[in-house]
Amino acid sequence: MLFYRYLAWKCKHLNLSIKRLVEELDDIRLALVQGNESGKVEMVVEEMNVKQARLFSLLNLEKFMDN
């Protein structure tokens, strides 16, 4: 519950309920993509809506994508 409260506080200017906030975060999808020539596999974020992109940026979630 404390984590949800922190999320609500951090994202308060987006005017989302805790339930909607969690739903938006839950819908952010990651994919593994392999390059044709290099064969290197990278983790990428799939297309997001505006709210998801704002949450992703606000919560600095890219730091958890270790490439």
Foldseek 3Di string as FASTA:
>chain_A
DVVLVVLCVLCVVVVDDSVVVVVLCVPWDKDWDADPPPRDIAIDTPDHDPVSVVSCVSVVVVVVRDD
